[in-house]
């Protein structure tokens, strides 16, 4: 059986870059907001 490496998909790579940008933008947000950001990311 062969497997497809989803990490090669452009959409996957762009989504990862978006997540990095969100973390960069929210780095200085209050702690409570960062916790909500992390919970939202995990629950999707």
PDB file of N, CA and C in Angstrom:
ATOM      1  N   UNK A   1       0.850  -1.171   0.000  1.00  0.00           N
ATOM      2  CA  UNK A   1       0.000   0.000   0.000  1.00  0.00           C
ATOM      3  C   UNK A   1       0.899   1.238   0.000  1.00  0.00           C
ATOM      4  N   UNK A   2       0.563   2.225  -0.814  1.00  0.00           N
ATOM      5  CA  UNK A   2       1.348   3.459  -0.829  1.00  0.00           C
ATOM      6  C   UNK A   2       0.608   4.546  -0.053  1.00  0.00           C
ATOM      7  N   UNK A   3       1.379   5.453   0.485  1.00  0.00           N
ATOM      8  CA  UNK A   3       0.830   6.551   1.269  1.00  0.00           C
ATOM      9  C   UNK A   3       1.204   7.869   0.619  1.00  0.00           C
ATOM     10  N   UNK A   4       0.303   8.836   0.719  1.00  0.00           N
ATOM     11  CA  UNK A   4       0.567  10.171   0.183  1.00  0.00           C
ATOM     12  C   UNK A   4       1.042  11.066   1.314  1.00  0.00           C
ATOM     13  N   UNK A   5       2.124  11.760   1.091  1.00  0.00           N
ATOM     14  CA  UNK A   5       2.660  12.675   2.090  1.00  0.00           C
ATOM     15  C   UNK A   5       1.905  14.005   1.999  1.00  0.00           C
ATOM     16  N   UNK A   6       0.932  14.195   2.880  1.00  0.00           N
ATOM     17  CA  UNK A   6       0.094  15.390   2.844  1.00  0.00           C
ATOM     18  C   UNK A   6       0.891  16.670   3.069  1.00  0.00           C
ATOM     19  N   UNK A   7       2.053  16.561   3.695  1.00  0.00           N
ATOM     20  CA  UNK A   7       2.860  17.754   3.962  1.00  0.00           C
ATOM     21  C   UNK A   7       3.418  18.369   2.681  1.00  0.00           C
ATOM     22  N   UNK A   8       3.328  17.667   1.589  1.00  0.00           N
ATOM     23  CA  UNK A   8       3.766  18.209   0.303  1.00  0.00           C
ATOM     24  C   UNK A   8       2.684  19.066  -0.352  1.00  0.00           C
ATOM     25  N   UNK A   9       1.463  18.987   0.141  1.00  0.00           N
ATOM     26  CA  UNK A   9       0.368  19.776  -0.417  1.00  0.00           C
ATOM     27  C   UNK A   9       0.596  21.261  -0.145  1.00  0.00           C
ATOM     28  N   UNK A  10       0.399  22.082  -1.161  1.00  0.00           N
ATOM     29  CA  UNK A  10       0.576  23.528  -1.014  1.00  0.00           C
ATOM     30  C   UNK A  10      -0.392  24.072   0.035  1.00  0.00           C
ATOM     31  N   UNK A  11      -1.609  23.577   0.049  1.00  0.00           N
ATOM     32  CA  UNK A  11      -2.600  24.058   1.017  1.00  0.00           C
ATOM     33  C   UNK A  11      -2.143  23.771   2.447  1.00  0.00           C
ATOM     34  N   UNK A  12      -1.506  22.640   2.674  1.00  0.00           N
ATOM     35  CA  UNK A  12      -0.980  22.301   4.005  1.00  0.00           C
ATOM     36  C   UNK A  12       0.134  23.275   4.382  1.00  0.00           C
ATOM     37  N   UNK A  13       1.031  23.518   3.462  1.00  0.00           N
ATOM     38  CA  UNK A  13       2.157  24.411   3.723  1.00  0.00           C
ATOM     39  C   UNK A  13       1.679  25.832   4.012  1.00  0.00           C
ATOM     40  N   UNK A  14       0.683  26.297   3.257  1.00  0.00           N
ATOM     41  CA  UNK A  14       0.147  27.642   3.476  1.00  0.00           C
ATOM     42  C   UNK A  14      -0.595  27.730   4.804  1.00  0.00           C
ATOM     43  N   UNK A  15      -1.288  26.681   5.180  1.00  0.00           N
ATOM     44  CA  UNK A  15      -1.981  26.664   6.473  1.00  0.00           C
ATOM     45  C   UNK A  15      -0.982  26.738   7.618  1.00  0.00           C
ATOM     46  N   UNK A  16       0.132  26.029   7.496  1.00  0.00           N
ATOM     47  CA  UNK A  16       1.181  26.076   8.526  1.00  0.00           C
ATOM     48  C   UNK A  16       1.754  27.485   8.650  1.00  0.00           C
ATOM     49  N   UNK A  17       1.948  28.151   7.511  1.00  0.00           N
ATOM     50  CA  UNK A  17       2.459  29.524   7.531  1.00  0.00           C
ATOM     51  C   UNK A  17       1.444  30.461   8.187  1.00  0.00           C
ATOM     52  N   UNK A  18       0.162  30.233   7.934  1.00  0.00           N
ATOM     53  CA  UNK A  18      -0.885  31.039   8.554  1.00  0.00           C
ATOM     54  C   UNK A  18      -0.866  30.875  10.065  1.00  0.00           C
ATOM     55  N   UNK A  19      -0.722  29.665  10.543  1.00  0.00           N
ATOM     56  CA  UNK A  19      -0.651  29.406  11.984  1.00  0.00           C
ATOM     57  C   UNK A  19       0.546  30.132  12.588  1.00  0.00           C
ATOM     58  N   UNK A  20       1.684  30.069  11.920  1.00  0.00           N
ATOM     59  CA  UNK A  20       2.876  30.764  12.419  1.00  0.00           C
ATOM     60  C   UNK A  20       2.634  32.268  12.506  1.00  0.00           C
ATOM     61  N   UNK A  21       1.956  32.818  11.501  1.00  0.00           N
ATOM     62  CA  UNK A  21       1.658  34.254  11.485  1.00  0.00           C
ATOM     63  C   UNK A  21       0.699  34.621  12.616  1.00  0.00           C
ATOM     64  N   UNK A  22      -0.294  33.790  12.866  1.00  0.00           N
ATOM     65  CA  UNK A  22      -1.233  34.042  13.966  1.00  0.00           C
ATOM     66  C   UNK A  22      -0.496  34.037  15.295  1.00  0.00           C
ATOM     67  N   UNK A  23       0.399  33.083  15.487  1.00  0.00           N
ATOM     68  CA  UNK A  23       1.175  33.029  16.727  1.00  0.00           C
ATOM     69  C   UNK A  23       2.074  34.251  16.860  1.00  0.00           C
ATOM     70  N   UNK A  24       2.651  34.723  15.743  1.00  0.00           N
ATOM     71  CA  UNK A  24       3.504  35.906  15.789  1.00  0.00           C
ATOM     72  C   UNK A  24       2.685  37.140  16.174  1.00  0.00           C
ATOM     73  N   UNK A  25       1.518  37.292  15.568  1.00  0.00           N
ATOM     74  CA  UNK A  25       0.665  38.450  15.831  1.00  0.00           C
ATOM     75  C   UNK A  25       0.154  38.445  17.263  1.00  0.00           C
ATOM     76  N   UNK A  26      -0.196  37.282  17.781  1.00  0.00           N
ATOM     77  CA  UNK A  26      -0.802  37.195  19.113  1.00  0.00           C
ATOM     78  C   UNK A  26       0.218  36.993  20.230  1.00  0.00           C
ATOM     79  N   UNK A  27       1.488  37.045  19.913  1.00  0.00           N
ATOM     80  CA  UNK A  27       2.535  36.791  20.915  1.00  0.00           C
ATOM     81  C   UNK A  27       2.449  37.738  22.110  1.00  0.00           C
ATOM     82  N   UNK A  28       2.034  38.969  21.881  1.00  0.00           N
ATOM     83  CA  UNK A  28       1.977  39.951  22.967  1.00  0.00           C
ATOM     84  C   UNK A  28       0.577  40.132  23.542  1.00  0.00           C
ATOM     85  N   UNK A  29      -0.339  39.291  23.159  1.00  0.00           N
ATOM     86  CA  UNK A  29      -1.692  39.351  23.712  1.00  0.00           C
ATOM     87  C   UNK A  29      -1.670  38.882  25.166  1.00  0.00           C
ATOM     88  N   UNK A  30      -2.702  39.252  25.938  1.00  0.00           N
ATOM     89  CA  UNK A  30      -2.795  38.765  27.321  1.00  0.00           C
ATOM     90  C   UNK A  30      -2.835  37.235  27.364  1.00  0.00           C
ATOM     91  N   UNK A  31      -2.386  36.688  28.465  1.00  0.00           N
ATOM     92  CA  UNK A  31      -2.298  35.232  28.648  1.00  0.00           C
ATOM     93  C   UNK A  31      -3.631  34.531  28.376  1.00  0.00           C
ATOM     94  N   UNK A  32      -4.731  35.118  28.840  1.00  0.00           N
ATOM     95  CA  UNK A  32      -6.044  34.490  28.682  1.00  0.00           C
ATOM     96  C   UNK A  32      -6.405  34.325  27.205  1.00  0.00           C
ATOM     97  N   UNK A  33      -6.065  35.298  26.407  1.00  0.00           N
ATOM     98  CA  UNK A  33      -6.367  35.231  24.976  1.00  0.00           C
ATOM     99  C   UNK A  33      -5.523  34.147  24.322  1.00  0.00           C
ATOM    100  N   UNK A  34      -4.268  34.022  24.737  1.00  0.00           N
ATOM    101  CA  UNK A  34      -3.399  32.993  24.167  1.00  0.00           C
ATOM    102  C   UNK A  34      -3.911  31.597  24.510  1.00  0.00           C
ATOM    103  N   UNK A  35      -4.440  31.432  25.708  1.00  0.00           N
ATOM    104  CA  UNK A  35      -5.003  30.132  26.096  1.00  0.00           C
ATOM    105  C   UNK A  35      -6.190  29.801  25.193  1.00  0.00           C
ATOM    106  N   UNK A  36      -7.061  30.773  24.950  1.00  0.00           N
ATOM    107  CA  UNK A  36      -8.207  30.555  24.060  1.00  0.00           C
ATOM    108  C   UNK A  36      -7.743  30.236  22.643  1.00  0.00           C
ATOM    109  N   UNK A  37      -6.696  30.898  22.191  1.00  0.00           N
ATOM    110  CA  UNK A  37      -6.140  30.630  20.864  1.00  0.00           C
ATOM    111  C   UNK A  37      -5.696  29.172  20.772  1.00  0.00           C
ATOM    112  N   UNK A  38      -5.015  28.699  21.791  1.00  0.00           N
ATOM    113  CA  UNK A  38      -4.514  27.325  21.787  1.00  0.00           C
ATOM    114  C   UNK A  38      -5.651  26.311  21.844  1.00  0.00           C
ATOM    115  N   UNK A  39      -6.655  26.569  22.646  1.00  0.00           N
ATOM    116  CA  UNK A  39      -7.797  25.657  22.756  1.00  0.00           C
ATOM    117  C   UNK A  39      -8.535  25.592  21.426  1.00  0.00           C
ATOM    118  N   UNK A  40      -8.731  26.731  20.777  1.00  0.00           N
ATOM    119  CA  UNK A  40      -9.416  26.754  19.488  1.00  0.00           C
ATOM    120  C   UNK A  40      -8.653  25.959  18.451  1.00  0.00           C
ATOM    121  N   UNK A  41      -7.344  26.059  18.470  1.00  0.00           N
ATOM    122  CA  UNK A  41      -6.508  25.348  17.498  1.00  0.00           C
ATOM    123  C   UNK A  41      -6.593  23.839  17.718  1.00  0.00           C
ATOM    124  N   UNK A  42      -6.581  23.412  18.954  1.00  0.00           N
ATOM    125  CA  UNK A  42      -6.604  21.980  19.275  1.00  0.00           C
ATOM    126  C   UNK A  42      -7.963  21.370  18.953  1.00  0.00           C
ATOM    127  N   UNK A  43      -9.041  22.108  19.162  1.00  0.00           N
ATOM    128  CA  UNK A  43     -10.388  21.565  18.990  1.00  0.00           C
ATOM    129  C   UNK A  43     -10.852  21.513  17.538  1.00  0.00           C
ATOM    130  N   UNK A  44     -10.051  21.929  16.609  1.00  0.00           N
ATOM    131  CA  UNK A  44     -10.477  21.919  15.194  1.00  0.00           C
ATOM    132  C   UNK A  44      -9.988  20.712  14.485  1.00  0.00           C
TER     133      UNK A  44
END
